Amino acid sequence: MERQKLDKQRGLVLNSALINFANIGNSTFEAQRIFHLRKGETYKINWYYGLRVTGGVTATIDFNEKVKTADSSRDNVLKPYTNTIVADQDQDYVLTIK
């Protein structure tokens, strides 16, 4: 789903990827997106993310080894993630949702 209005109070309209699982038993979902960064380039990351879970499950989003986690005691709902990367070599930036 793209360009969904996710935050009515702030009027944010964002490109988004929404994943919803319910009653699928003992399962694990994992998805990755790899961004190729070029040496000498500067990359400014300005993303919003949200993780919401119920029951005894855990959800994570890994921003190239900077992991955000949600479980039944703590949700992460529509929070900003910002980072600036100056690539000192050609490299991959890996985003993983699990």
PDB file of N, CA and C in Angstrom:
ATOM      1  N   MET A   1       0.854  -1.172   0.000  1.00  0.00           N
ATOM      2  CA  MET A   1       0.000   0.000   0.000  1.00  0.00           C
ATOM      3  C   MET A   1       0.895   1.228   0.000  1.00  0.00           C
ATOM      4  N   GLU A   2       0.607   2.149  -0.873  1.00  0.00           N
ATOM      5  CA  GLU A   2       1.444   3.335  -0.964  1.00  0.00           C
ATOM      6  C   GLU A   2       0.638   4.591  -0.667  1.00  0.00           C
ATOM      7  N   ARG A   3       1.356   5.598  -0.171  1.00  0.00           N
ATOM      8  CA  ARG A   3       0.816   6.926   0.085  1.00  0.00           C
ATOM      9  C   ARG A   3      -0.456   6.885   0.924  1.00  0.00           C
ATOM     10  N   GLN A   4      -0.381   6.146   2.004  1.00  0.00           N
ATOM     11  CA  GLN A   4      -1.508   6.057   2.930  1.00  0.00           C
ATOM     12  C   GLN A   4      -1.371   7.151   3.981  1.00  0.00           C
ATOM     13  N   LYS A   5      -2.476   7.751   4.362  1.00  0.00           N
ATOM     14  CA  LYS A   5      -2.453   8.744   5.432  1.00  0.00           C
ATOM     15  C   LYS A   5      -2.384   7.981   6.752  1.00  0.00           C
ATOM     16  N   LEU A   6      -1.246   8.062   7.415  1.00  0.00           N
ATOM     17  CA  LEU A   6      -1.014   7.258   8.610  1.00  0.00           C
ATOM     18  C   LEU A   6      -1.172   8.028   9.910  1.00  0.00           C
ATOM     19  N   ASP A   7      -1.047   9.327   9.863  1.00  0.00           N
ATOM     20  CA  ASP A   7      -1.097  10.098  11.093  1.00  0.00           C
ATOM     21  C   ASP A   7      -2.010  11.300  10.872  1.00  0.00           C
ATOM     22  N   LYS A   8      -3.251  11.169  11.255  1.00  0.00           N
ATOM     23  CA  LYS A   8      -4.229  12.222  10.995  1.00  0.00           C
ATOM     24  C   LYS A   8      -3.925  13.493  11.781  1.00  0.00           C
ATOM     25  N   GLN A   9      -3.357  13.370  12.969  1.00  0.00           N
ATOM     26  CA  GLN A   9      -3.066  14.556  13.776  1.00  0.00           C
ATOM     27  C   GLN A   9      -1.985  15.418  13.136  1.00  0.00           C
ATOM     28  N   ARG A  10      -0.955  14.807  12.588  1.00  0.00           N
ATOM     29  CA  ARG A  10       0.131  15.567  11.969  1.00  0.00           C
ATOM     30  C   ARG A  10      -0.034  15.684  10.460  1.00  0.00           C
ATOM     31  N   GLY A  11      -1.052  15.023   9.892  1.00  0.00           N
ATOM     32  CA  GLY A  11      -1.297  15.119   8.460  1.00  0.00           C
ATOM     33  C   GLY A  11      -0.251  14.441   7.601  1.00  0.00           C
ATOM     34  N   LEU A  12       0.419  13.425   8.126  1.00  0.00           N
ATOM     35  CA  LEU A  12       1.470  12.750   7.373  1.00  0.00           C
ATOM     36  C   LEU A  12       0.874  11.833   6.315  1.00  0.00           C
ATOM     37  N   VAL A  13       1.354  11.975   5.100  1.00  0.00           N
ATOM     38  CA  VAL A  13       1.017  11.050   4.028  1.00  0.00           C
ATOM     39  C   VAL A  13       2.340  10.427   3.608  1.00  0.00           C
ATOM     40  N   LEU A  14       2.471   9.121   3.813  1.00  0.00           N
ATOM     41  CA  LEU A  14       3.754   8.451   3.648  1.00  0.00           C
ATOM     42  C   LEU A  14       3.641   7.271   2.710  1.00  0.00           C
ATOM     43  N   ASN A  15       4.732   6.958   1.992  1.00  0.00           N
ATOM     44  CA  ASN A  15       4.817   5.667   1.333  1.00  0.00           C
ATOM     45  C   ASN A  15       4.924   4.647   2.451  1.00  0.00           C
ATOM     46  N   SER A  16       4.182   3.565   2.347  1.00  0.00           N
ATOM     47  CA  SER A  16       4.161   2.645   3.472  1.00  0.00           C
ATOM     48  C   SER A  16       4.090   1.202   3.018  1.00  0.00           C
ATOM     49  N   ALA A  17       4.570   0.348   3.895  1.00  0.00           N
ATOM     50  CA  ALA A  17       4.423  -1.097   3.721  1.00  0.00           C
ATOM     51  C   ALA A  17       3.751  -1.599   4.987  1.00  0.00           C
ATOM     52  N   LEU A  18       2.579  -2.180   4.853  1.00  0.00           N
ATOM     53  CA  LEU A  18       1.825  -2.649   6.000  1.00  0.00           C
ATOM     54  C   LEU A  18       1.739  -4.165   5.963  1.00  0.00           C
ATOM     55  N   ILE A  19       2.022  -4.793   7.102  1.00  0.00           N
ATOM     56  CA  ILE A  19       1.989  -6.251   7.200  1.00  0.00           C
ATOM     57  C   ILE A  19       1.094  -6.600   8.378  1.00  0.00           C
ATOM     58  N   ASN A  20       0.146  -7.485   8.180  1.00  0.00           N
ATOM     59  CA  ASN A  20      -0.771  -7.868   9.238  1.00  0.00           C
ATOM     60  C   ASN A  20      -0.922  -9.388   9.237  1.00  0.00           C
ATOM     61  N   PHE A  21      -0.686 -10.015  10.388  1.00  0.00           N
ATOM     62  CA  PHE A  21      -0.865 -11.452  10.546  1.00  0.00           C
ATOM     63  C   PHE A  21      -1.855 -11.700  11.666  1.00  0.00           C
ATOM     64  N   ALA A  22      -2.688 -12.686  11.502  1.00  0.00           N
ATOM     65  CA  ALA A  22      -3.634 -13.045  12.556  1.00  0.00           C
ATOM     66  C   ALA A  22      -3.940 -14.534  12.467  1.00  0.00           C
ATOM     67  N   ASN A  23      -3.901 -15.192  13.593  1.00  0.00           N
ATOM     68  CA  ASN A  23      -4.300 -16.598  13.684  1.00  0.00           C
ATOM     69  C   ASN A  23      -3.596 -17.502  12.673  1.00  0.00           C
ATOM     70  N   ILE A  24      -2.296 -17.346  12.530  1.00  0.00           N
ATOM     71  CA  ILE A  24      -1.584 -18.214  11.587  1.00  0.00           C
ATOM     72  C   ILE A  24      -0.706 -19.232  12.308  1.00  0.00           C
ATOM     73  N   GLY A  25      -0.890 -19.361  13.604  1.00  0.00           N
ATOM     74  CA  GLY A  25      -0.171 -20.398  14.332  1.00  0.00           C
ATOM     75  C   GLY A  25       1.275 -20.032  14.628  1.00  0.00           C
ATOM     76  N   ASN A  26       2.096 -21.046  14.767  1.00  0.00           N
ATOM     77  CA  ASN A  26       3.500 -20.876  15.119  1.00  0.00           C
ATOM     78  C   ASN A  26       4.285 -20.562  13.853  1.00  0.00           C
ATOM     79  N   SER A  27       4.325 -19.315  13.470  1.00  0.00           N
ATOM     80  CA  SER A  27       4.950 -18.912  12.210  1.00  0.00           C
ATOM     81  C   SER A  27       5.910 -17.753  12.439  1.00  0.00           C
ATOM     82  N   THR A  28       6.838 -17.613  11.532  1.00  0.00           N
ATOM     83  CA  THR A  28       7.777 -16.498  11.548  1.00  0.00           C
ATOM     84  C   THR A  28       7.777 -15.856  10.175  1.00  0.00           C
ATOM     85  N   PHE A  29       7.681 -14.546  10.154  1.00  0.00           N
ATOM     86  CA  PHE A  29       7.747 -13.785   8.914  1.00  0.00           C
ATOM     87  C   PHE A  29       9.034 -12.977   8.914  1.00  0.00           C
ATOM     88  N   GLU A  30       9.710 -12.922   7.782  1.00  0.00           N
ATOM     89  CA  GLU A  30      10.904 -12.090   7.659  1.00  0.00           C
ATOM     90  C   GLU A  30      10.964 -11.532   6.243  1.00  0.00           C
ATOM     91  N   ALA A  31      11.246 -10.235   6.164  1.00  0.00           N
ATOM     92  CA  ALA A  31      11.408  -9.587   4.865  1.00  0.00           C
ATOM     93  C   ALA A  31      12.611  -8.654   4.943  1.00  0.00           C
ATOM     94  N   GLN A  32      13.326  -8.537   3.839  1.00  0.00           N
ATOM     95  CA  GLN A  32      14.509  -7.689   3.772  1.00  0.00           C
ATOM     96  C   GLN A  32      14.470  -6.799   2.555  1.00  0.00           C
ATOM     97  N   ARG A  33      15.051  -5.622   2.705  1.00  0.00           N
ATOM     98  CA  ARG A  33      15.299  -4.726   1.581  1.00  0.00           C
ATOM     99  C   ARG A  33      16.745  -4.287   1.712  1.00  0.00           C
ATOM    100  N   ILE A  34      17.490  -4.404   0.628  1.00  0.00           N
ATOM    101  CA  ILE A  34      18.907  -4.033   0.635  1.00  0.00           C
ATOM    102  C   ILE A  34      19.080  -2.797  -0.228  1.00  0.00           C
ATOM    103  N   PHE A  35      19.680  -1.770   0.361  1.00  0.00           N
ATOM    104  CA  PHE A  35      20.004  -0.542  -0.352  1.00  0.00           C
ATOM    105  C   PHE A  35      21.505  -0.532  -0.603  1.00  0.00           C
ATOM    106  N   HIS A  36      21.906  -0.299  -1.828  1.00  0.00           N
ATOM    107  CA  HIS A  36      23.325  -0.260  -2.177  1.00  0.00           C
ATOM    108  C   HIS A  36      23.821   1.174  -2.065  1.00  0.00           C
ATOM    109  N   LEU A  37      24.791   1.384  -1.180  1.00  0.00           N
ATOM    110  CA  LEU A  37      25.348   2.712  -0.945  1.00  0.00           C
ATOM    111  C   LEU A  37      26.688   2.839  -1.659  1.00  0.00           C
ATOM    112  N   ARG A  38      26.919   3.994  -2.259  1.00  0.00           N
ATOM    113  CA  ARG A  38      28.165   4.215  -3.003  1.00  0.00           C
ATOM    114  C   ARG A  38      29.170   5.002  -2.179  1.00  0.00           C
ATOM    115  N   LYS A  39      30.411   4.629  -2.307  1.00  0.00           N
ATOM    116  CA  LYS A  39      31.514   5.290  -1.612  1.00  0.00           C
ATOM    117  C   LYS A  39      31.489   6.791  -1.898  1.00  0.00           C
ATOM    118  N   GLY A  40      31.667   7.574  -0.833  1.00  0.00           N
ATOM    119  CA  GLY A  40      31.745   9.019  -0.952  1.00  0.00           C
ATOM    120  C   GLY A  40      30.405   9.736  -0.965  1.00  0.00           C
ATOM    121  N   GLU A  41      29.305   9.004  -0.993  1.00  0.00           N
ATOM    122  CA  GLU A  41      27.974   9.616  -1.011  1.00  0.00           C
ATOM    123  C   GLU A  41      27.438   9.747   0.420  1.00  0.00           C
ATOM    124  N   THR A  42      26.591  10.743   0.628  1.00  0.00           N
ATOM    125  CA  THR A  42      25.927  10.940   1.910  1.00  0.00           C
ATOM    126  C   THR A  42      24.456  10.577   1.757  1.00  0.00           C
ATOM    127  N   TYR A  43      23.949   9.780   2.682  1.00  0.00           N
ATOM    128  CA  TYR A  43      22.568   9.320   2.660  1.00  0.00           C
ATOM    129  C   TYR A  43      21.874   9.783   3.929  1.00  0.00           C
ATOM    130  N   LYS A  44      20.785  10.519   3.777  1.00  0.00           N
ATOM    131  CA  LYS A  44      19.989  10.975   4.919  1.00  0.00           C
ATOM    132  C   LYS A  44      18.716  10.134   4.972  1.00  0.00           C
ATOM    133  N   ILE A  45      18.591   9.358   6.029  1.00  0.00           N
ATOM    134  CA  ILE A  45      17.446   8.473   6.212  1.00  0.00           C
ATOM    135  C   ILE A  45      16.453   9.174   7.118  1.00  0.00           C
ATOM    136  N   ASN A  46      15.225   9.261   6.672  1.00  0.00           N
ATOM    137  CA  ASN A  46      14.159   9.871   7.454  1.00  0.00           C
ATOM    138  C   ASN A  46      12.900   9.035   7.234  1.00  0.00           C
ATOM    139  N   TRP A  47      12.741   8.004   8.040  1.00  0.00           N
ATOM    140  CA  TRP A  47      11.643   7.055   7.907  1.00  0.00           C
ATOM    141  C   TRP A  47      10.797   7.066   9.172  1.00  0.00           C
ATOM    142  N   TYR A  48       9.547   6.687   9.030  1.00  0.00           N
ATOM    143  CA  TYR A  48       8.683   6.392  10.159  1.00  0.00           C
ATOM    144  C   TYR A  48       8.448   4.895  10.172  1.00  0.00           C
ATOM    145  N   TYR A  49       8.382   4.324  11.362  1.00  0.00           N
ATOM    146  CA  TYR A  49       8.104   2.901  11.472  1.00  0.00           C
ATOM    147  C   TYR A  49       7.111   2.679  12.599  1.00  0.00           C
ATOM    148  N   GLY A  50       6.411   1.566  12.521  1.00  0.00           N
ATOM    149  CA  GLY A  50       5.495   1.204  13.590  1.00  0.00           C
ATOM    150  C   GLY A  50       5.442  -0.299  13.739  1.00  0.00           C
ATOM    151  N   LEU A  51       5.487  -0.765  14.957  1.00  0.00           N
ATOM    152  CA  LEU A  51       5.361  -2.181  15.279  1.00  0.00           C
ATOM    153  C   LEU A  51       4.278  -2.309  16.339  1.00  0.00           C
ATOM    154  N   ARG A  52       3.285  -3.130  16.092  1.00  0.00           N
ATOM    155  CA  ARG A  52       2.236  -3.341  17.084  1.00  0.00           C
ATOM    156  C   ARG A  52       1.963  -4.838  17.156  1.00  0.00           C
ATOM    157  N   VAL A  53       1.976  -5.366  18.365  1.00  0.00           N
ATOM    158  CA  VAL A  53       1.776  -6.809  18.551  1.00  0.00           C
ATOM    159  C   VAL A  53       0.772  -7.049  19.676  1.00  0.00           C
ATOM    160  N   THR A  54       0.202  -8.251  19.686  1.00  0.00           N
ATOM    161  CA  THR A  54      -0.661  -8.687  20.782  1.00  0.00           C
ATOM    162  C   THR A  54      -0.231 -10.089  21.186  1.00  0.00           C
ATOM    163  N   GLY A  55      -0.612 -10.478  22.355  1.00  0.00           N
ATOM    164  CA  GLY A  55      -0.264 -11.821  22.816  1.00  0.00           C
ATOM    165  C   GLY A  55       1.211 -11.913  23.166  1.00  0.00           C
ATOM    166  N   GLY A  56       1.770 -13.091  23.034  1.00  0.00           N
ATOM    167  CA  GLY A  56       3.148 -13.331  23.441  1.00  0.00           C
ATOM    168  C   GLY A  56       4.158 -13.248  22.314  1.00  0.00           C
ATOM    169  N   VAL A  57       3.886 -12.462  21.291  1.00  0.00           N
ATOM    170  CA  VAL A  57       4.800 -12.393  20.149  1.00  0.00           C
ATOM    171  C   VAL A  57       5.709 -11.181  20.239  1.00  0.00           C
ATOM    172  N   THR A  58       6.748 -11.198  19.417  1.00  0.00           N
ATOM    173  CA  THR A  58       7.707 -10.104  19.327  1.00  0.00           C
ATOM    174  C   THR A  58       7.879  -9.736  17.868  1.00  0.00           C
ATOM    175  N   ALA A  59       8.007  -8.449  17.604  1.00  0.00           N
ATOM    176  CA  ALA A  59       8.281  -7.963  16.254  1.00  0.00           C
ATOM    177  C   ALA A  59       9.522  -7.075  16.304  1.00  0.00           C
ATOM    178  N   THR A  60      10.342  -7.163  15.267  1.00  0.00           N
ATOM    179  CA  THR A  60      11.530  -6.313  15.209  1.00  0.00           C
ATOM    180  C   THR A  60      11.672  -5.699  13.827  1.00  0.00           C
ATOM    181  N   ILE A  61      12.298  -4.537  13.810  1.00  0.00           N
ATOM    182  CA  ILE A  61      12.757  -3.948  12.567  1.00  0.00           C
ATOM    183  C   ILE A  61      14.211  -3.575  12.791  1.00  0.00           C
ATOM    184  N   ASP A  62      15.049  -4.072  11.900  1.00  0.00           N
ATOM    185  CA  ASP A  62      16.491  -3.921  12.016  1.00  0.00           C
ATOM    186  C   ASP A  62      16.959  -2.942  10.943  1.00  0.00           C
ATOM    187  N   PHE A  63      17.376  -1.761  11.381  1.00  0.00           N
ATOM    188  CA  PHE A  63      17.922  -0.748  10.489  1.00  0.00           C
ATOM    189  C   PHE A  63      19.447  -0.944  10.433  1.00  0.00           C
ATOM    190  N   ASN A  64      19.889  -1.899   9.627  1.00  0.00           N
ATOM    191  CA  ASN A  64      21.324  -2.155   9.461  1.00  0.00           C
ATOM    192  C   ASN A  64      22.018  -2.317  10.814  1.00  0.00           C
ATOM    193  N   GLU A  65      21.499  -3.217  11.620  1.00  0.00           N
ATOM    194  CA  GLU A  65      22.023  -3.598  12.933  1.00  0.00           C
ATOM    195  C   GLU A  65      21.655  -2.634  14.060  1.00  0.00           C
ATOM    196  N   LYS A  66      20.729  -1.712  13.823  1.00  0.00           N
ATOM    197  CA  LYS A  66      20.140  -0.893  14.880  1.00  0.00           C
ATOM    198  C   LYS A  66      18.703  -1.386  15.018  1.00  0.00           C
ATOM    199  N   VAL A  67      18.466  -2.243  16.019  1.00  0.00           N
ATOM    200  CA  VAL A  67      17.219  -2.999  16.116  1.00  0.00           C
ATOM    201  C   VAL A  67      16.222  -2.301  17.034  1.00  0.00           C
ATOM    202  N   LYS A  68      14.979  -2.199  16.539  1.00  0.00           N
ATOM    203  CA  LYS A  68      13.844  -1.703  17.331  1.00  0.00           C
ATOM    204  C   LYS A  68      12.918  -2.889  17.552  1.00  0.00           C
ATOM    205  N   THR A  69      12.408  -3.050  18.786  1.00  0.00           N
ATOM    206  CA  THR A  69      11.611  -4.223  19.145  1.00  0.00           C
ATOM    207  C   THR A  69      10.288  -3.804  19.766  1.00  0.00           C
ATOM    208  N   ALA A  70       9.262  -4.577  19.466  1.00  0.00           N
ATOM    209  CA  ALA A  70       7.963  -4.418  20.130  1.00  0.00           C
ATOM    210  C   ALA A  70       7.520  -5.784  20.617  1.00  0.00           C
ATOM    211  N   ASP A  71       6.939  -5.822  21.807  1.00  0.00           N
ATOM    212  CA  ASP A  71       6.322  -7.033  22.324  1.00  0.00           C
ATOM    213  C   ASP A  71       5.064  -6.621  23.078  1.00  0.00           C
ATOM    214  N   SER A  72       4.451  -7.542  23.786  1.00  0.00           N
ATOM    215  CA  SER A  72       3.172  -7.230  24.440  1.00  0.00           C
ATOM    216  C   SER A  72       3.312  -6.155  25.519  1.00  0.00           C
ATOM    217  N   SER A  73       4.530  -5.884  25.988  1.00  0.00           N
ATOM    218  CA  SER A  73       4.708  -4.857  27.014  1.00  0.00           C
ATOM    219  C   SER A  73       5.119  -3.507  26.426  1.00  0.00           C
ATOM    220  N   ARG A  74       5.497  -3.469  25.131  1.00  0.00           N
ATOM    221  CA  ARG A  74       5.899  -2.186  24.538  1.00  0.00           C
ATOM    222  C   ARG A  74       5.672  -2.205  23.026  1.00  0.00           C
ATOM    223  N   ASP A  75       4.808  -1.370  22.597  1.00  0.00           N
ATOM    224  CA  ASP A  75       4.582  -1.160  21.170  1.00  0.00           C
ATOM    225  C   ASP A  75       5.433   0.017  20.710  1.00  0.00           C
ATOM    226  N   ASN A  76       5.819  -0.004  19.474  1.00  0.00           N
ATOM    227  CA  ASN A  76       6.469   1.134  18.835  1.00  0.00           C
ATOM    228  C   ASN A  76       5.554   1.541  17.692  1.00  0.00           C
ATOM    229  N   VAL A  77       4.744   2.537  17.922  1.00  0.00           N
ATOM    230  CA  VAL A  77       3.746   2.918  16.928  1.00  0.00           C
ATOM    231  C   VAL A  77       4.102   4.276  16.331  1.00  0.00           C
ATOM    232  N   LEU A  78       4.337   4.289  15.035  1.00  0.00           N
ATOM    233  CA  LEU A  78       4.665   5.465  14.243  1.00  0.00           C
ATOM    234  C   LEU A  78       5.686   6.371  14.923  1.00  0.00           C
ATOM    235  N   LYS A  79       6.900   5.904  14.921  1.00  0.00           N
ATOM    236  CA  LYS A  79       8.018   6.653  15.478  1.00  0.00           C
ATOM    237  C   LYS A  79       8.988   6.993  14.354  1.00  0.00           C
ATOM    238  N   PRO A  80       9.668   8.116  14.476  1.00  0.00           N
ATOM    239  CA  PRO A  80      10.632   8.465  13.433  1.00  0.00           C
ATOM    240  C   PRO A  80      11.950   7.716  13.614  1.00  0.00           C
ATOM    241  N   TYR A  81      12.575   7.380  12.518  1.00  0.00           N
ATOM    242  CA  TYR A  81      13.930   6.843  12.531  1.00  0.00           C
ATOM    243  C   TYR A  81      14.749   7.708  11.575  1.00  0.00           C
ATOM    244  N   THR A  82      15.753   8.367  12.092  1.00  0.00           N
ATOM    245  CA  THR A  82      16.610   9.202  11.263  1.00  0.00           C
ATOM    246  C   THR A  82      18.059   8.783  11.441  1.00  0.00           C
ATOM    247  N   ASN A  83      18.819   8.911  10.379  1.00  0.00           N
ATOM    248  CA  ASN A  83      20.235   8.562  10.411  1.00  0.00           C
ATOM    249  C   ASN A  83      20.895   9.193   9.189  1.00  0.00           C
ATOM    250  N   THR A  84      22.120   9.612   9.336  1.00  0.00           N
ATOM    251  CA  THR A  84      22.907  10.090   8.203  1.00  0.00           C
ATOM    252  C   THR A  84      24.109   9.175   8.066  1.00  0.00           C
ATOM    253  N   ILE A  85      24.303   8.673   6.861  1.00  0.00           N
ATOM    254  CA  ILE A  85      25.415   7.764   6.591  1.00  0.00           C
ATOM    255  C   ILE A  85      26.290   8.383   5.515  1.00  0.00           C
ATOM    256  N   VAL A  86      27.566   8.505   5.816  1.00  0.00           N
ATOM    257  CA  VAL A  86      28.548   8.890   4.807  1.00  0.00           C
ATOM    258  C   VAL A  86      29.315   7.614   4.482  1.00  0.00           C
ATOM    259  N   ALA A  87      29.108   7.096   3.287  1.00  0.00           N
ATOM    260  CA  ALA A  87      29.697   5.808   2.918  1.00  0.00           C
ATOM    261  C   ALA A  87      31.188   5.981   2.648  1.00  0.00           C
ATOM    262  N   ASP A  88      32.020   5.335   3.470  1.00  0.00           N
ATOM    263  CA  ASP A  88      33.467   5.393   3.255  1.00  0.00           C
ATOM    264  C   ASP A  88      33.933   4.320   2.276  1.00  0.00           C
ATOM    265  N   GLN A  89      32.989   3.473   1.867  1.00  0.00           N
ATOM    266  CA  GLN A  89      33.236   2.448   0.846  1.00  0.00           C
ATOM    267  C   GLN A  89      31.896   2.032   0.263  1.00  0.00           C
ATOM    268  N   ASP A  90      31.899   1.372  -0.891  1.00  0.00           N
ATOM    269  CA  ASP A  90      30.654   0.809  -1.403  1.00  0.00           C
ATOM    270  C   ASP A  90      30.171  -0.212  -0.382  1.00  0.00           C
ATOM    271  N   GLN A  91      28.905  -0.140  -0.020  1.00  0.00           N
ATOM    272  CA  GLN A  91      28.394  -1.033   1.013  1.00  0.00           C
ATOM    273  C   GLN A  91      26.899  -1.217   0.847  1.00  0.00           C
ATOM    274  N   ASP A  92      26.360  -2.192   1.555  1.00  0.00           N
ATOM    275  CA  ASP A  92      24.932  -2.442   1.573  1.00  0.00           C
ATOM    276  C   ASP A  92      24.357  -1.977   2.901  1.00  0.00           C
ATOM    277  N   TYR A  93      23.176  -1.410   2.840  1.00  0.00           N
ATOM    278  CA  TYR A  93      22.403  -1.039   4.023  1.00  0.00           C
ATOM    279  C   TYR A  93      21.210  -1.989   4.011  1.00  0.00           C
ATOM    280  N   VAL A  94      21.088  -2.797   5.072  1.00  0.00           N
ATOM    281  CA  VAL A  94      20.071  -3.859   5.098  1.00  0.00           C
ATOM    282  C   VAL A  94      18.988  -3.489   6.102  1.00  0.00           C
ATOM    283  N   LEU A  95      17.752  -3.493   5.616  1.00  0.00           N
ATOM    284  CA  LEU A  95      16.582  -3.254   6.433  1.00  0.00           C
ATOM    285  C   LEU A  95      15.810  -4.563   6.527  1.00  0.00           C
ATOM    286  N   THR A  96      15.591  -5.074   7.761  1.00  0.00           N
ATOM    287  CA  THR A  96      14.932  -6.362   7.952  1.00  0.00           C
ATOM    288  C   THR A  96      13.767  -6.203   8.906  1.00  0.00           C
ATOM    289  N   ILE A  97      12.600  -6.723   8.519  1.00  0.00           N
ATOM    290  CA  ILE A  97      11.427  -6.783   9.366  1.00  0.00           C
ATOM    291  C   ILE A  97      11.191  -8.240   9.713  1.00  0.00           C
ATOM    292  N   LYS A  98      10.968  -8.529  10.989  1.00  0.00           N
ATOM    293  CA  LYS A  98      10.767  -9.925  11.409  1.00  0.00           C
ATOM    294  C   LYS A  98       9.721  -9.980  12.494  1.00  0.00           C
TER     295      LYS A  98
END
